[in-house]
C-alpha atoms as a PDB file:
ATOM      1  CA  UNK A   1      26.704 217.340 226.170  1.00  0.00           C
ATOM      2  CA  UNK A   2      29.267 218.390 223.543  1.00  0.00           C
ATOM      3  CA  UNK A   3      31.521 215.330 224.196  1.00  0.00           C
ATOM      4  CA  UNK A   4      29.173 212.598 222.990  1.00  0.00           C
ATOM      5  CA  UNK A   5      28.255 214.696 219.887  1.00  0.00           C
ATOM      6  CA  UNK A   6      31.946 215.293 219.181  1.00  0.00           C
ATOM      7  CA  UNK A   7      32.636 211.521 219.522  1.00  0.00           C
ATOM      8  CA  UNK A   8      29.764 210.804 217.004  1.00  0.00           C
ATOM      9  CA  UNK A   9      31.245 213.225 214.510  1.00  0.00           C
ATOM     10  CA  UNK A  10      34.643 211.755 214.884  1.00  0.00           C
ATOM     11  CA  UNK A  11      33.424 208.227 214.464  1.00  0.00           C
ATOM     12  CA  UNK A  12      31.384 209.184 211.400  1.00  0.00           C
ATOM     13  CA  UNK A  13      34.333 210.993 209.817  1.00  0.00           C
ATOM     14  CA  UNK A  14      36.611 207.875 210.479  1.00  0.00           C
ATOM     15  CA  UNK A  15      34.107 205.634 208.545  1.00  0.00           C
ATOM     16  CA  UNK A  16      33.737 207.787 205.496  1.00  0.00           C
ATOM     17  CA  UNK A  17      36.870 206.178 203.700  1.00  0.00           C
ATOM     18  CA  UNK A  18      35.156 202.743 204.007  1.00  0.00           C
ATOM     19  CA  UNK A  19      32.303 204.062 201.772  1.00  0.00           C
ATOM     20  CA  UNK A  20      34.720 205.116 198.979  1.00  0.00           C
ATOM     21  CA  UNK A  21      34.677 203.020 195.809  1.00  0.00           C
ATOM     22  CA  UNK A  22      37.711 200.851 195.190  1.00  0.00           C
ATOM     23  CA  UNK A  23      37.609 201.346 191.367  1.00  0.00           C
ATOM     24  CA  UNK A  24      41.368 201.791 190.990  1.00  0.00           C
ATOM     25  CA  UNK A  25      42.138 198.603 192.717  1.00  0.00           C
ATOM     26  CA  UNK A  26      39.718 196.635 190.631  1.00  0.00           C
ATOM     27  CA  UNK A  27      41.105 198.190 187.383  1.00  0.00           C
ATOM     28  CA  UNK A  28      44.555 197.261 188.207  1.00  0.00           C
ATOM     29  CA  UNK A  29      43.727 193.600 189.135  1.00  0.00           C
ATOM     30  CA  UNK A  30      41.865 193.254 185.911  1.00  0.00           C
ATOM     31  CA  UNK A  31      44.661 194.627 183.757  1.00  0.00           C
ATOM     32  CA  UNK A  32      47.260 192.427 185.507  1.00  0.00           C
ATOM     33  CA  UNK A  33      45.298 189.280 185.734  1.00  0.00           C
ATOM     34  CA  UNK A  34      45.328 186.612 183.101  1.00  0.00           C
ATOM     35  CA  UNK A  35      42.890 184.232 184.883  1.00  0.00           C
ATOM     36  CA  UNK A  36      39.344 183.980 183.496  1.00  0.00           C
ATOM     37  CA  UNK A  37      36.534 185.396 185.378  1.00  0.00           C
ATOM     38  CA  UNK A  38      34.845 183.120 187.873  1.00  0.00           C
ATOM     39  CA  UNK A  39      31.437 183.392 186.050  1.00  0.00           C
ATOM     40  CA  UNK A  40      33.033 182.140 182.765  1.00  0.00           C
ATOM     41  CA  UNK A  41      34.551 179.235 184.633  1.00  0.00           C
ATOM     42  CA  UNK A  42      31.066 178.514 186.162  1.00  0.00           C
ATOM     43  CA  UNK A  43      29.481 178.431 182.782  1.00  0.00           C
ATOM     44  CA  UNK A  44      32.101 176.279 181.354  1.00  0.00           C
ATOM     45  CA  UNK A  45      32.304 173.606 184.117  1.00  0.00           C
ATOM     46  CA  UNK A  46      29.309 173.749 186.343  1.00  0.00           C
ATOM     47  CA  UNK A  47      26.808 170.920 186.229  1.00  0.00           C
ATOM     48  CA  UNK A  48      24.125 173.264 187.730  1.00  0.00           C
ATOM     49  CA  UNK A  49      24.422 175.563 184.696  1.00  0.00           C
ATOM     50  CA  UNK A  50      23.929 172.802 182.282  1.00  0.00           C
ATOM     51  CA  UNK A  51      20.921 171.524 184.244  1.00  0.00           C
ATOM     52  CA  UNK A  52      19.362 175.134 184.361  1.00  0.00           C
ATOM     53  CA  UNK A  53      20.086 175.628 180.774  1.00  0.00           C
ATOM     54  CA  UNK A  54      18.440 172.318 179.745  1.00  0.00           C
ATOM     55  CA  UNK A  55      15.450 173.190 181.995  1.00  0.00           C
ATOM     56  CA  UNK A  56      14.949 176.636 180.421  1.00  0.00           C
ATOM     57  CA  UNK A  57      15.143 175.217 176.841  1.00  0.00           C
ATOM     58  CA  UNK A  58      12.812 172.397 177.621  1.00  0.00           C
ATOM     59  CA  UNK A  59      10.328 174.763 179.171  1.00  0.00           C
ATOM     60  CA  UNK A  60      10.445 177.155 176.194  1.00  0.00           C
ATOM     61  CA  UNK A  61      10.084 174.242 173.805  1.00  0.00           C
ATOM     62  CA  UNK A  62       6.943 173.026 175.611  1.00  0.00           C
ATOM     63  CA  UNK A  63       5.395 176.563 175.508  1.00  0.00           C
ATOM     64  CA  UNK A  64       6.423 177.451 171.931  1.00  0.00           C
ATOM     65  CA  UNK A  65       3.570 175.738 170.062  1.00  0.00           C
ATOM     66  CA  UNK A  66       1.037 177.602 172.249  1.00  0.00           C
ATOM     67  CA  UNK A  67       2.690 180.940 171.930  1.00  0.00           C
ATOM     68  CA  UNK A  68       2.902 180.664 168.129  1.00  0.00           C
ATOM     69  CA  UNK A  69      -0.820 179.688 167.988  1.00  0.00           C
ATOM     70  CA  UNK A  70      -1.763 182.684 169.980  1.00  0.00           C
ATOM     71  CA  UNK A  71      -1.907 185.722 167.543  1.00  0.00           C
ATOM     72  CA  UNK A  72      -2.000 188.164 170.499  1.00  0.00           C
ATOM     73  CA  UNK A  73       1.209 186.942 172.021  1.00  0.00           C
ATOM     74  CA  UNK A  74       4.547 188.837 171.359  1.00  0.00           C
ATOM     75  CA  UNK A  75       8.030 188.089 172.635  1.00  0.00           C
ATOM     76  CA  UNK A  76       9.036 191.744 172.588  1.00  0.00           C
ATOM     77  CA  UNK A  77       8.950 193.456 176.015  1.00  0.00           C
ATOM     78  CA  UNK A  78       6.621 196.437 176.313  1.00  0.00           C
ATOM     79  CA  UNK A  79       4.851 195.680 172.915  1.00  0.00           C
ATOM     80  CA  UNK A  80       1.271 194.802 172.890  1.00  0.00           C
ATOM     81  CA  UNK A  81      -0.503 192.829 170.030  1.00  0.00           C
ATOM     82  CA  UNK A  82      -2.298 195.979 168.973  1.00  0.00           C
ATOM     83  CA  UNK A  83       0.909 197.775 168.177  1.00  0.00           C
END
């Protein structure tokens, strides 16, 4: 009965280092790297980003007149028209 329990404890202890954060490795890579971040490259070059941005601005433009006409509407999160 003790052998399976001991094996379980050993396996659990061997897996603990895998849960440790790798912050030091990430900091070293950032300080030595001169390449831009992938998210910046995606924003600068992806056709999908341009399409999503155009869609968001077009939708906002269509809704803007209705929002401005509604005196109870506010763009501030968590704020009601009564405040």
